[in-house]
Protein backbone atom coordinates (compact mmCIF):
# COMPACT_ATOMS: atom_id res chain seq x y z
CA MET A 1 37.55 98.68 58.62
CA LYS A 2 39.95 95.68 57.27
CA THR A 3 39.30 94.57 60.56
CA LYS A 4 35.56 94.82 60.82
CA LEU A 5 35.29 93.07 57.37
CA GLU A 6 37.45 90.25 58.76
CA LYS A 7 35.55 89.64 61.48
CA ILE A 8 32.18 89.26 58.98
CA GLU A 9 34.51 86.68 57.14
CA LYS A 10 35.12 84.76 60.28
CA GLU A 11 31.82 85.08 62.21
CA ARG A 12 29.51 84.21 59.34
CA GLY A 13 31.49 82.16 56.85
CA VAL A 14 31.91 83.88 54.36
CA LYS A 15 34.71 85.54 51.86
CA ILE A 16 34.48 89.36 50.97
CA ASN A 17 35.10 89.93 47.34
CA PHE A 18 34.31 93.77 47.53
CA ALA A 19 33.70 96.42 50.17
CA CYS A 20 32.40 99.97 49.21
CA GLU A 21 31.30 103.15 51.46
CA SER A 22 27.49 104.00 50.25
CA GLY A 23 26.70 106.54 52.52
CA SER A 24 27.63 110.53 52.58
CA ARG A 25 31.10 109.49 53.47
CA ALA A 26 31.14 107.88 49.81
CA TRP A 27 29.59 111.09 47.94
CA GLY A 28 31.63 113.88 49.94
CA PHE A 29 28.39 114.66 52.18
CA ALA A 30 29.47 113.73 55.58
CA SER A 31 29.47 114.99 59.07
CA PRO A 32 31.38 114.61 62.30
CA ASP A 33 28.42 112.19 63.41
CA SER A 34 27.97 110.44 60.06
CA ASP A 35 28.23 106.76 60.16
CA TYR A 36 29.84 104.27 57.86
CA ASP A 37 27.94 102.52 55.16
CA VAL A 38 29.56 99.92 53.89
CA ARG A 39 28.13 97.22 51.09
CA PHE A 40 29.70 94.40 50.33
CA LEU A 41 29.53 91.37 48.19
CA TYR A 42 30.64 87.88 49.15
CA THR A 43 30.66 84.16 48.28
CA LYS A 44 29.95 80.95 50.81
CA SER A 45 31.27 77.53 50.90
CA LEU A 46 31.09 75.51 48.03
CA SER A 47 28.51 73.48 50.03
CA TRP A 48 26.24 76.74 50.36
CA TYR A 49 26.29 76.69 46.51
CA LEU A 50 25.82 72.78 46.54
CA SER A 51 22.21 72.82 48.72
CA VAL A 52 19.17 71.88 47.40
CA SER A 53 17.45 74.54 49.98
CA GLU A 54 17.47 78.18 49.33
CA LYS A 55 19.17 80.15 52.18
CA ARG A 56 19.58 83.76 53.45
CA ASP A 57 21.41 85.76 51.02
CA ILE A 58 21.66 89.10 52.39
CA ILE A 59 24.06 89.93 55.75
CA ASP A 60 22.98 93.41 57.57
CA ILE A 61 25.06 94.14 60.40
CA MET A 62 23.98 97.36 62.50
CA ASP A 63 26.82 98.07 65.31
CA GLY A 64 27.08 101.98 66.72
CA ASP A 65 28.44 103.85 63.82
CA PHE A 66 29.24 100.58 61.12
CA ASP A 67 26.33 100.03 58.94
CA ALA A 68 26.90 97.33 56.53
CA VAL A 69 24.82 95.20 53.98
CA GLY A 70 26.49 92.28 52.21
CA TRP A 71 24.36 90.60 49.02
CA GLU A 72 25.93 87.16 47.70
CA LEU A 73 27.63 87.23 45.06
CA ARG A 74 24.94 85.33 42.98
CA LYS A 75 22.47 88.15 44.02
CA SER A 76 24.64 90.77 43.46
CA LEU A 77 24.92 89.46 39.61
CA GLN A 78 21.42 89.14 39.58
CA LEU A 79 20.30 92.88 40.28
CA LEU A 80 23.09 94.18 38.19
CA LYS A 81 21.33 92.21 35.22
CA LYS A 82 18.09 94.15 36.47
CA SER A 83 19.99 97.40 36.21
CA ASN A 84 19.35 97.73 40.15
CA VAL A 85 20.90 101.44 40.86
CA PRO A 86 22.12 100.59 44.22
CA ALA A 87 24.07 97.59 42.66
CA ILE A 88 25.69 99.98 40.21
CA GLU A 89 26.43 102.55 42.71
CA HIS A 90 28.47 100.47 44.74
CA LEU A 91 30.91 99.45 41.59
CA PHE A 92 31.75 103.21 41.33
CA SER A 93 31.85 104.38 44.68
CA PRO A 94 34.87 106.82 45.23
CA ILE A 95 35.78 104.58 48.73
CA ILE A 96 36.89 101.02 48.23
CA TYR A 97 37.83 99.12 51.45
CA LEU A 98 38.71 95.64 49.38
CA GLY A 99 38.60 94.49 46.14
CA GLU A 100 40.20 95.58 42.82
CA THR A 101 38.21 98.33 40.83
CA GLN A 102 39.72 97.59 37.59
CA TYR A 103 37.22 94.64 36.67
CA PHE A 104 34.45 96.96 36.89
CA GLN A 105 36.42 99.09 34.53
CA ASN A 106 37.09 97.27 31.45
């Protein structure tokens, strides 16, 4: 999984700060043909944040059994502020691929 996340970082010019499993694997219902439902938070370069133009703040990737969706940090925080259930679930996923969970537990 680390290799796939590093590839996303390189190809999309982002820094992934947190990544977790969100689907059946996370909740103990995986079958032999279950895909990986990876969800992640990312940041972009300073110039991206300083731009006056609105830019896409979501990354969607479907590649075989790998389904990944990333939200830019600001979007993630806005969703958490609205008590968005999927955003909250991601923080408490039992499978963390990247990132430190202690930030969310304190």
